[in-house]
């Protein structure tokens, strides 16, 4: 089993920045990919960004150029730097592990809320 704990959400004005963090524990040594997904009210959960063991990254088109994923999958840590935030970025953000660069794995954090509003 792998446990994921997120931190860093909050309220920010449009154009502002936030940094999310996620730490994995348990059998994290077996993880190939980690990433961030988000779910806005009334919408399906969607991929935001992923990173694999080699350091290769993948982003949703809606966040390219504004969000940066980083971390060390082998050590079980991943971060999401979010710049130039927009109201449409408002959502619960979930850390994920155990999947592939474009497919979510079976392990999820409890989520952290990001609200972008003036």
Protein backbone atom coordinates (compact mmCIF):
# COMPACT_ATOMS: atom_id res chain seq x y z
CA UNK A 1 0.00 0.00 0.00
CA UNK A 2 1.04 3.59 -0.67
CA UNK A 3 -0.21 6.57 1.32
CA UNK A 4 -0.17 10.08 -0.16
CA UNK A 5 -0.42 13.34 1.78
CA UNK A 6 -0.93 16.68 0.03
CA UNK A 7 -0.44 20.20 1.30
CA UNK A 8 -0.36 23.75 -0.03
CA UNK A 9 -3.87 24.57 -1.20
CA UNK A 10 -5.70 27.77 -0.37
CA UNK A 11 -7.30 30.94 -1.63
CA UNK A 12 -5.45 33.09 -4.15
CA UNK A 13 -6.36 35.98 -6.39
CA UNK A 14 -6.35 35.64 -10.18
CA UNK A 15 -2.79 35.95 -11.46
CA UNK A 16 -1.36 34.68 -8.20
CA UNK A 17 0.70 31.59 -7.43
CA UNK A 18 0.50 28.53 -5.20
CA UNK A 19 2.74 25.51 -4.65
CA UNK A 20 1.31 22.09 -3.85
CA UNK A 21 3.35 19.33 -2.24
CA UNK A 22 2.78 15.59 -1.99
CA UNK A 23 4.71 12.98 -0.04
CA UNK A 24 4.31 9.22 -0.44
CA UNK A 25 4.90 6.60 2.22
CA UNK A 26 4.55 2.86 2.37
CA UNK A 27 5.65 0.81 -0.64
CA UNK A 28 6.58 3.96 -2.56
CA UNK A 29 9.74 2.37 -3.98
CA UNK A 30 7.65 0.54 -6.58
CA UNK A 31 6.06 3.69 -8.05
CA UNK A 32 6.74 4.53 -11.72
CA UNK A 33 4.78 7.78 -11.98
CA UNK A 34 3.28 10.43 -9.73
CA UNK A 35 1.07 13.32 -10.64
CA UNK A 36 -1.69 15.77 -9.94
CA UNK A 37 -5.34 15.56 -10.95
CA UNK A 38 -8.11 18.02 -10.21
CA UNK A 39 -11.87 17.98 -9.97
CA UNK A 40 -14.02 21.09 -10.16
CA UNK A 41 -17.63 21.11 -8.89
CA UNK A 42 -19.90 19.30 -11.31
CA UNK A 43 -17.02 18.12 -13.50
CA UNK A 44 -15.04 14.92 -13.93
CA UNK A 45 -11.61 14.51 -12.43
CA UNK A 46 -8.94 15.44 -14.97
CA UNK A 47 -5.19 15.09 -15.35
CA UNK A 48 -3.18 18.21 -14.58
CA UNK A 49 0.44 17.03 -14.75
CA UNK A 50 2.50 13.88 -14.23
CA UNK A 51 6.16 13.01 -13.76
CA UNK A 52 7.85 9.63 -14.18
CA UNK A 53 11.02 8.12 -12.71
CA UNK A 54 13.20 9.48 -15.51
CA UNK A 55 11.98 13.00 -14.80
CA UNK A 56 9.93 13.22 -17.96
CA UNK A 57 6.76 15.27 -17.52
CA UNK A 58 3.33 15.53 -19.08
CA UNK A 59 0.84 18.43 -18.84
CA UNK A 60 -2.75 19.15 -19.69
CA UNK A 61 -2.98 21.75 -22.46
CA UNK A 62 -4.91 24.07 -20.16
CA UNK A 63 -1.97 24.45 -17.76
CA UNK A 64 1.04 24.34 -20.08
CA UNK A 65 3.27 27.37 -19.56
CA UNK A 66 1.66 28.18 -16.20
CA UNK A 67 2.15 25.05 -14.06
CA UNK A 68 5.37 23.15 -13.39
CA UNK A 69 5.57 19.67 -11.89
CA UNK A 70 8.77 18.59 -10.18
CA UNK A 71 9.98 16.10 -7.65
CA UNK A 72 11.64 12.74 -7.24
CA UNK A 73 9.41 9.75 -7.93
CA UNK A 74 11.98 7.34 -6.50
CA UNK A 75 11.86 9.22 -3.20
CA UNK A 76 8.09 9.62 -3.39
CA UNK A 77 7.87 13.42 -3.50
CA UNK A 78 6.14 15.59 -6.07
CA UNK A 79 5.37 19.31 -6.27
CA UNK A 80 3.15 21.47 -8.44
CA UNK A 81 4.09 25.12 -8.89
CA UNK A 82 1.06 26.98 -10.18
CA UNK A 83 1.56 30.47 -11.61
CA UNK A 84 -0.80 32.93 -13.27
CA UNK A 85 -3.77 31.16 -11.70
CA UNK A 86 -7.20 31.65 -13.25
CA UNK A 87 -10.68 31.26 -11.74
CA UNK A 88 -11.15 28.15 -13.89
CA UNK A 89 -8.27 26.52 -12.01
CA UNK A 90 -10.49 26.37 -8.92
CA UNK A 91 -10.82 22.72 -7.92
CA UNK A 92 -9.86 20.02 -5.49
CA UNK A 93 -6.35 18.90 -6.41
CA UNK A 94 -5.41 15.27 -5.81
CA UNK A 95 -1.99 13.67 -5.71
CA UNK A 96 -1.83 10.34 -7.55
CA UNK A 97 0.70 7.55 -7.77
CA UNK A 98 1.20 4.14 -9.32
CA UNK A 99 0.02 4.77 -12.86
CA UNK A 100 1.62 5.92 -16.10
CA UNK A 101 2.26 9.37 -17.52
CA UNK A 102 -1.27 9.53 -18.97
CA UNK A 103 -3.11 7.01 -16.81
CA UNK A 104 -3.93 7.47 -13.15
CA UNK A 105 -2.67 4.92 -10.68
CA UNK A 106 -4.61 3.30 -7.83
CA UNK A 107 -3.26 5.51 -5.06
CA UNK A 108 -4.87 8.85 -4.23
CA UNK A 109 -4.40 11.52 -1.62
CA UNK A 110 -7.38 13.08 0.12
CA UNK A 111 -7.09 16.26 -1.93
CA UNK A 112 -6.41 19.90 -1.26
CA UNK A 113 -8.71 22.75 -2.31
CA UNK A 114 -7.43 25.54 -4.53
CA UNK A 115 -9.72 28.54 -4.90
CA UNK A 116 -8.89 31.32 -7.34
CA UNK A 117 -11.08 34.32 -6.71
CA UNK A 118 -10.90 38.06 -6.24
